Each structure stands twice: as C-alpha cells, then as structure tokens.
Amino acid sequence: MSYELKRLQIKAKQSIYTLLSGDNLSKLHGEGYDFSELREYQIGDDIRKINWTISAKLGKPYVKELHANRELSIVVATLMDGSLYFGDGNEKQKKLTEVATTLAYATQHQNDLLKGFSFYKTDTYETPPTKHLFHVEEFSKQMFEARLLNQKLNYKKSLETLFKKTYKPSLLFVISDFLEEVDLSLLSQKHEVIAIIIRDREEENPNILGEVTLRSPISKIRFDTFLGKKSIQKYRKRVMEHDRRLQEHFSTYNIRYIKVFTDEDVVSRLVELF
C-alpha cells in the first residue's frame, strides 16, 4: 500500500468521529419506513401499490411493499472514468476516493451494512454486503489505484447495473463529477439517493491562458485552442447550464446533493449535508 493511500485512509478514519458527532448519519433514516420488496404485479394486488415510474421504465407493472426500517443499509457507488483525470496530481480521483472512504468507514463504525460499487469502462468492482474493515480498505485501495486515463464509462449501463444489483432498499450515495448527463430517477424510486459531485475549481472557472494545446483525458484527442476571456465566458455558461439541468433533475426526484471541490475538507461538507 502506498504512503499516500495510507495517509488518506487514516485521515478518513479519524474524520468519522467528527462526522458521527451528534449521530449525524442516523438522521438519514427518513420516516422510518422503507421498501421491503419490489416485484412484478400479480393478480389480486392492490393497484394503488403499483409504482408507475418503475413500471414505465421496465415495461411491466411493479408493486412495492413497505416495512419498518431498522438496520440501515448503505450503498456507496462511484462512477469513474477519464473525466476524473484533471489537472496536476490527479486530485479529483483522490478526492472521490476520500469521500467514498469516509462514508464507508462511517458505515462500518456505526455497524450498519455497507455495499460498495465502483464502475469502470470494462468492469465493475463491488464489495459483498459487509461490516468488516478489510472490505472497506480494499474498496478504498482499488478506487485510489484505478487507471482512468483514456477511459470512457457507459453511465446508463452502469446505473442500470447498480439498480439490478442493489436488492435491499438503501441509503445510496452516487459519487461522480456529473459532467455527463446522468439519470438517477429509477434508483430514486426504490432508494434514498444522495448525489455527491466532485469538481476542481479550475474546471468551472478556468484561467486565461491564451494559446494552448489541450488533451482529452477520455479520448486521447489533442487540439489547439485559445483560452481568452470570451471563450472562457462561453465555456462557463455551458457548465452553468449543465449544472442547472442537473439540479432540476435532482429536485424532481427528491435527490439531495452536495458539491465537493478538490481543495475542500470532506467531513465539513458531509456534515453540512447531514
């Protein structure tokens, strides 16, 4: 294990005592009820229990049953590709790892059930449903060490896989830079979803650099351009419009969210969320 990864894990482990002060995480239990089952409609079922949103997406009628929520099941899912490879030092990938690791340690510390997912271009890493520290640290290690340059994730397929593999209704954290169009509506019908956006400040507010050669971290494409005042204003307008649509999506489906910049303290941002 690298020294930098170990330092990140120690920082995350120490920070959970601040995160858990006042029992912050337990506030996410909501109303105390959750879905015990999501299944296809059967003759005799009460039609008032049909979830029309899920039924429309899956092409068959589905019903949901409720039960009192006792043990909190937490899912931490990361969407990872070359877009996280931004700037010097790969800080976005490191910050994503720190956020996911902090949430995983907090879950383990509270003796709740953790399920971790990391989605990549060609494969998916997942932990078993666990309360063991070993699985938390392996989850952290593979996110930190993943090679993302020139990788492009299929977000739609990844989220469909997440829906299919998350059987138990859960508190589900989805962590990404959310620079692609992402649809969390199906997940929100079964789970309490929280989106955590990882960004670098220069991504949203680039400096005036004049003539530069840029390289896409996803497609290997290199191109010459001019980063002047007008081009930066146009770029910032597009980013703001993208984020406005993203926020509307979250609001429509009752998804809470926060944005964490690479230079921010993770635990203070999470405490604000809780």
Protein backbone atom coordinates (compact mmCIF):
# COMPACT_ATOMS: atom_id res chain seq x y z
CA MET A 1 0.00 0.00 0.00
CA SER A 2 1.34 3.42 -0.95
CA TYR A 3 2.12 6.00 1.71
CA GLU A 4 -0.31 8.47 0.12
CA LEU A 5 -3.18 5.97 0.18
CA LYS A 6 -2.47 5.04 3.80
CA ARG A 7 -2.44 8.71 4.76
CA LEU A 8 -5.79 9.22 3.00
CA GLN A 9 -7.31 6.26 4.86
CA ILE A 10 -6.02 7.44 8.24
CA LYS A 11 -7.44 10.92 7.59
CA ALA A 12 -10.81 9.45 6.58
CA LYS A 13 -10.91 7.16 9.62
CA GLN A 14 -10.10 9.98 12.02
CA SER A 15 -12.65 12.30 10.43
CA ILE A 16 -15.61 9.98 11.06
CA TYR A 17 -15.60 10.98 14.72
CA THR A 18 -16.47 14.49 13.60
CA LEU A 19 -18.93 13.16 11.03
CA LEU A 20 -20.68 10.99 13.60
CA SER A 21 -20.82 13.59 16.37
CA GLY A 22 -24.44 14.14 17.26
CA ASP A 23 -25.37 10.95 15.42
CA ASN A 24 -25.38 12.81 12.09
CA LEU A 25 -25.60 9.77 9.86
CA SER A 26 -28.66 8.35 11.61
CA LYS A 27 -30.68 11.39 10.51
CA LEU A 28 -30.77 9.82 7.08
CA HIS A 29 -33.19 7.09 8.17
CA GLY A 30 -36.01 9.32 6.93
CA GLU A 31 -39.52 8.45 8.07
CA GLY A 32 -38.59 5.06 9.48
CA TYR A 33 -40.13 3.07 6.67
CA ASP A 34 -38.64 1.59 3.54
CA PHE A 35 -39.46 -0.84 0.78
CA SER A 36 -39.32 -4.50 1.74
CA GLU A 37 -39.98 -5.72 -1.76
CA LEU A 38 -40.15 -4.53 -5.36
CA ARG A 39 -41.78 -7.20 -7.53
CA GLU A 40 -43.91 -7.70 -10.61
CA TYR A 41 -47.63 -7.07 -10.24
CA GLN A 42 -49.73 -10.19 -9.59
CA ILE A 43 -53.47 -10.67 -9.97
CA GLY A 44 -55.11 -9.61 -6.73
CA ASP A 45 -52.52 -6.99 -5.79
CA ASP A 46 -53.79 -3.58 -4.75
CA ILE A 47 -53.36 -1.39 -7.84
CA ARG A 48 -52.63 1.57 -5.54
CA LYS A 49 -49.27 -0.07 -4.77
CA ILE A 50 -48.16 -0.01 -8.41
CA ASN A 51 -45.09 2.17 -8.94
CA TRP A 52 -45.89 3.73 -12.28
CA THR A 53 -42.46 5.27 -12.84
CA ILE A 54 -40.60 1.97 -12.46
CA SER A 55 -43.31 0.12 -14.39
CA ALA A 56 -42.97 2.52 -17.33
CA LYS A 57 -39.19 2.18 -17.42
CA LEU A 58 -39.17 -1.62 -17.15
CA GLY A 59 -42.19 -2.24 -19.40
CA LYS A 60 -44.08 -4.30 -16.78
CA PRO A 61 -46.24 -3.34 -13.77
CA TYR A 62 -44.30 -3.41 -10.49
CA VAL A 63 -45.59 -3.03 -6.94
CA LYS A 64 -43.73 -2.08 -3.76
CA GLU A 65 -44.31 -3.15 -0.17
CA LEU A 66 -43.29 -1.20 2.93
CA HIS A 67 -41.84 -2.27 6.26
CA ALA A 68 -40.41 -0.52 9.29
CA ASN A 69 -36.75 0.30 8.70
CA ARG A 70 -34.41 -1.00 11.44
CA GLU A 71 -30.93 -1.67 10.12
CA LEU A 72 -29.60 0.98 7.77
CA SER A 73 -28.24 -0.41 4.53
CA ILE A 74 -25.77 1.98 2.89
CA VAL A 75 -24.53 1.75 -0.69
CA VAL A 76 -21.57 3.83 -1.86
CA ALA A 77 -21.30 3.84 -5.66
CA THR A 78 -18.63 5.66 -7.68
CA LEU A 79 -18.78 6.39 -11.42
CA MET A 80 -15.19 6.55 -12.63
CA ASP A 81 -13.56 7.30 -15.96
CA GLY A 82 -11.05 9.63 -17.55
CA SER A 83 -13.02 12.77 -16.71
CA LEU A 84 -11.71 12.45 -13.16
CA TYR A 85 -8.18 12.80 -14.53
CA PHE A 86 -7.97 16.56 -14.40
CA GLY A 87 -5.10 18.88 -13.50
CA ASP A 88 -1.81 18.13 -11.81
CA GLY A 89 -1.69 15.31 -9.30
CA ASN A 90 -4.98 13.68 -10.27
CA GLU A 91 -6.73 15.43 -7.38
CA LYS A 92 -10.30 14.64 -8.46
CA GLN A 93 -9.76 10.88 -8.26
CA LYS A 94 -8.10 11.28 -4.87
CA LYS A 95 -10.94 13.43 -3.54
CA LEU A 96 -13.56 10.97 -4.81
CA THR A 97 -11.67 8.18 -3.05
CA GLU A 98 -11.52 10.20 0.17
CA VAL A 99 -15.26 10.92 0.12
CA ALA A 100 -16.19 7.28 -0.58
CA THR A 101 -13.73 6.00 2.02
CA THR A 102 -15.05 8.40 4.69
CA LEU A 103 -18.61 7.23 4.07
CA ALA A 104 -17.52 3.58 4.13
CA TYR A 105 -15.64 3.99 7.44
CA ALA A 106 -18.64 5.80 8.94
CA THR A 107 -20.94 2.94 7.92
CA GLN A 108 -18.59 0.32 9.38
CA HIS A 109 -18.14 2.33 12.58
CA GLN A 110 -21.92 2.51 13.11
CA ASN A 111 -22.25 -1.23 12.48
CA ASP A 112 -24.52 -0.67 9.50
CA LEU A 113 -24.36 -2.77 6.36
CA LEU A 114 -22.12 -1.46 3.56
CA LYS A 115 -22.17 -2.34 -0.12
CA GLY A 116 -19.53 -0.64 -2.26
CA PHE A 117 -19.52 -0.33 -6.06
CA SER A 118 -17.02 1.25 -8.44
CA PHE A 119 -17.98 1.35 -12.11
CA TYR A 120 -15.32 1.47 -14.84
CA LYS A 121 -15.29 1.22 -18.61
CA THR A 122 -14.69 -2.52 -18.76
CA ASP A 123 -15.62 -3.87 -15.34
CA THR A 124 -17.32 -3.28 -12.01
CA TYR A 125 -15.74 -3.65 -8.60
CA GLU A 126 -18.11 -4.50 -5.77
CA THR A 127 -17.78 -5.49 -2.16
CA PRO A 128 -20.04 -8.06 -0.57
CA PRO A 129 -22.62 -6.64 1.85
CA THR A 130 -20.25 -6.15 4.76
CA LYS A 131 -19.46 -4.72 8.17
CA HIS A 132 -15.78 -5.69 8.00
CA LEU A 133 -12.91 -3.19 7.89
CA PHE A 134 -10.98 -5.32 5.38
CA HIS A 135 -13.60 -4.76 2.66
CA VAL A 136 -13.71 -1.02 3.35
CA GLU A 137 -9.95 -0.70 2.86
CA GLU A 138 -9.93 -2.86 -0.27
CA PHE A 139 -12.73 -0.71 -1.69
CA SER A 140 -10.65 2.38 -0.95
CA LYS A 141 -7.49 0.88 -2.44
CA GLN A 142 -8.97 -0.05 -5.81
CA MET A 143 -10.53 3.43 -6.28
CA PHE A 144 -7.24 5.15 -5.43
CA GLU A 145 -5.16 2.93 -7.73
CA ALA A 146 -7.55 2.68 -10.70
CA ARG A 147 -6.08 3.73 -14.04
CA LEU A 148 -8.65 6.04 -15.58
CA LEU A 149 -6.81 7.92 -18.31
CA ASN A 150 -8.37 7.37 -21.76
CA GLN A 151 -11.33 5.51 -20.27
CA LYS A 152 -14.97 6.31 -21.09
CA LEU A 153 -17.72 4.98 -18.82
CA ASN A 154 -21.16 3.97 -20.08
CA TYR A 155 -23.17 5.79 -17.39
CA LYS A 156 -26.60 4.48 -18.45
CA LYS A 157 -25.47 0.86 -18.36
CA SER A 158 -23.64 1.37 -15.04
CA LEU A 159 -26.71 2.83 -13.33
CA GLU A 160 -28.92 0.05 -14.67
CA THR A 161 -26.45 -2.46 -13.23
CA LEU A 162 -26.48 -0.63 -9.91
CA PHE A 163 -30.28 -0.81 -9.81
CA LYS A 164 -30.32 -4.54 -10.57
CA LYS A 165 -27.61 -5.40 -8.05
CA THR A 166 -28.90 -3.30 -5.16
CA TYR A 167 -31.62 -5.61 -3.93
CA LYS A 168 -32.28 -4.16 -0.49
CA PRO A 169 -33.74 -0.64 -0.28
CA SER A 170 -30.83 1.51 0.86
CA LEU A 171 -29.37 4.89 1.50
CA LEU A 172 -27.47 5.19 -1.76
CA PHE A 173 -24.61 7.62 -2.36
CA VAL A 174 -23.68 8.16 -6.01
CA ILE A 175 -20.29 9.89 -6.36
CA SER A 176 -19.05 11.33 -9.65
CA ASP A 177 -18.09 14.61 -11.27
CA PHE A 178 -21.51 14.53 -13.00
CA LEU A 179 -20.18 16.21 -16.13
CA GLU A 180 -22.19 13.74 -18.21
CA GLU A 181 -25.98 13.54 -18.35
CA VAL A 182 -26.91 11.15 -15.53
CA ASP A 183 -30.40 9.78 -14.87
CA LEU A 184 -30.95 8.72 -11.24
CA SER A 185 -34.75 8.60 -11.47
CA LEU A 186 -35.08 4.81 -11.44
CA LEU A 187 -32.78 4.46 -8.41
CA SER A 188 -34.72 7.14 -6.54
CA GLN A 189 -37.96 5.13 -6.80
CA LYS A 190 -36.54 2.37 -4.60
CA HIS A 191 -33.74 4.04 -2.59
CA GLU A 192 -32.98 7.25 -0.78
CA VAL A 193 -30.40 8.69 -3.18
CA ILE A 194 -27.76 11.31 -2.38
CA ALA A 195 -25.52 12.63 -5.16
CA ILE A 196 -22.01 13.88 -4.35
CA ILE A 197 -20.42 15.94 -7.11
CA ILE A 198 -16.61 16.05 -7.24
CA ARG A 199 -15.15 19.03 -9.08
CA ASP A 200 -11.93 21.01 -9.45
CA ARG A 201 -12.42 24.76 -9.25
CA GLU A 202 -10.45 25.33 -12.47
CA GLU A 203 -12.89 23.04 -14.26
CA GLU A 204 -15.65 25.54 -13.64
CA ASN A 205 -13.54 28.71 -13.72
CA PRO A 206 -10.51 28.20 -15.99
CA ASN A 207 -7.76 30.78 -16.12
CA ILE A 208 -6.97 32.87 -19.19
CA LEU A 209 -4.07 31.01 -20.80
CA GLY A 210 -4.02 32.26 -24.37
CA GLU A 211 -2.90 29.73 -26.99
CA VAL A 212 -2.74 26.22 -25.51
CA THR A 213 -2.74 22.58 -26.57
CA LEU A 214 -5.31 20.52 -24.68
CA ARG A 215 -5.70 16.77 -24.47
CA SER A 216 -8.92 14.94 -23.69
CA PRO A 217 -8.45 12.55 -20.72
CA ILE A 218 -11.15 10.34 -22.23
CA SER A 219 -10.50 10.13 -25.98
CA LYS A 220 -6.74 10.90 -26.36
CA ILE A 221 -7.66 13.74 -28.75
CA ARG A 222 -5.29 16.71 -28.74
CA PHE A 223 -6.35 20.08 -30.07
CA ASP A 224 -5.02 23.61 -30.21
CA THR A 225 -7.25 26.38 -28.89
CA PHE A 226 -7.21 29.87 -27.46
CA LEU A 227 -8.39 30.34 -23.89
CA GLY A 228 -9.27 34.01 -23.78
CA LYS A 229 -11.92 35.95 -21.93
CA LYS A 230 -14.72 35.35 -24.44
CA SER A 231 -14.09 31.63 -24.88
CA ILE A 232 -13.95 31.15 -21.10
CA GLN A 233 -17.23 33.04 -20.64
CA LYS A 234 -18.86 30.80 -23.25
CA TYR A 235 -17.46 27.69 -21.57
CA ARG A 236 -18.64 28.79 -18.11
CA LYS A 237 -22.12 29.46 -19.47
CA ARG A 238 -22.30 25.90 -20.80
CA VAL A 239 -21.14 24.46 -17.46
CA MET A 240 -23.71 26.54 -15.56
CA GLU A 241 -26.50 25.41 -17.91
CA HIS A 242 -25.45 21.78 -17.50
CA ASP A 243 -25.48 22.10 -13.70
CA ARG A 244 -28.86 23.86 -13.77
CA ARG A 245 -30.38 20.89 -15.61
CA LEU A 246 -28.66 18.53 -13.18
CA GLN A 247 -30.12 20.37 -10.19
CA GLU A 248 -33.58 20.31 -11.75
CA HIS A 249 -33.25 16.55 -12.18
CA PHE A 250 -32.26 16.13 -8.54
CA SER A 251 -35.13 18.34 -7.38
CA THR A 252 -37.70 16.49 -9.50
CA TYR A 253 -36.77 13.14 -7.95
CA ASN A 254 -36.16 14.38 -4.40
CA ILE A 255 -32.43 13.66 -4.55
CA ARG A 256 -30.24 15.55 -2.12
CA TYR A 257 -26.81 16.59 -3.36
CA ILE A 258 -23.65 18.45 -2.47
CA LYS A 259 -20.64 19.57 -4.46
CA VAL A 260 -17.16 18.92 -3.05
CA PHE A 261 -14.22 20.73 -4.60
CA THR A 262 -10.76 19.19 -4.52
CA ASP A 263 -9.47 21.88 -2.15
CA GLU A 264 -12.31 21.44 0.39
CA ASP A 265 -12.43 19.49 3.63
CA VAL A 266 -14.55 16.39 3.08
CA VAL A 267 -16.01 15.95 6.54
CA SER A 268 -17.19 19.55 6.86
CA ARG A 269 -19.07 19.23 3.57
CA LEU A 270 -20.67 15.94 4.62
CA VAL A 271 -21.75 17.39 7.96
CA GLU A 272 -23.49 20.21 6.08
CA LEU A 273 -25.36 17.59 4.09
CA PHE A 274 -26.47 15.67 7.18
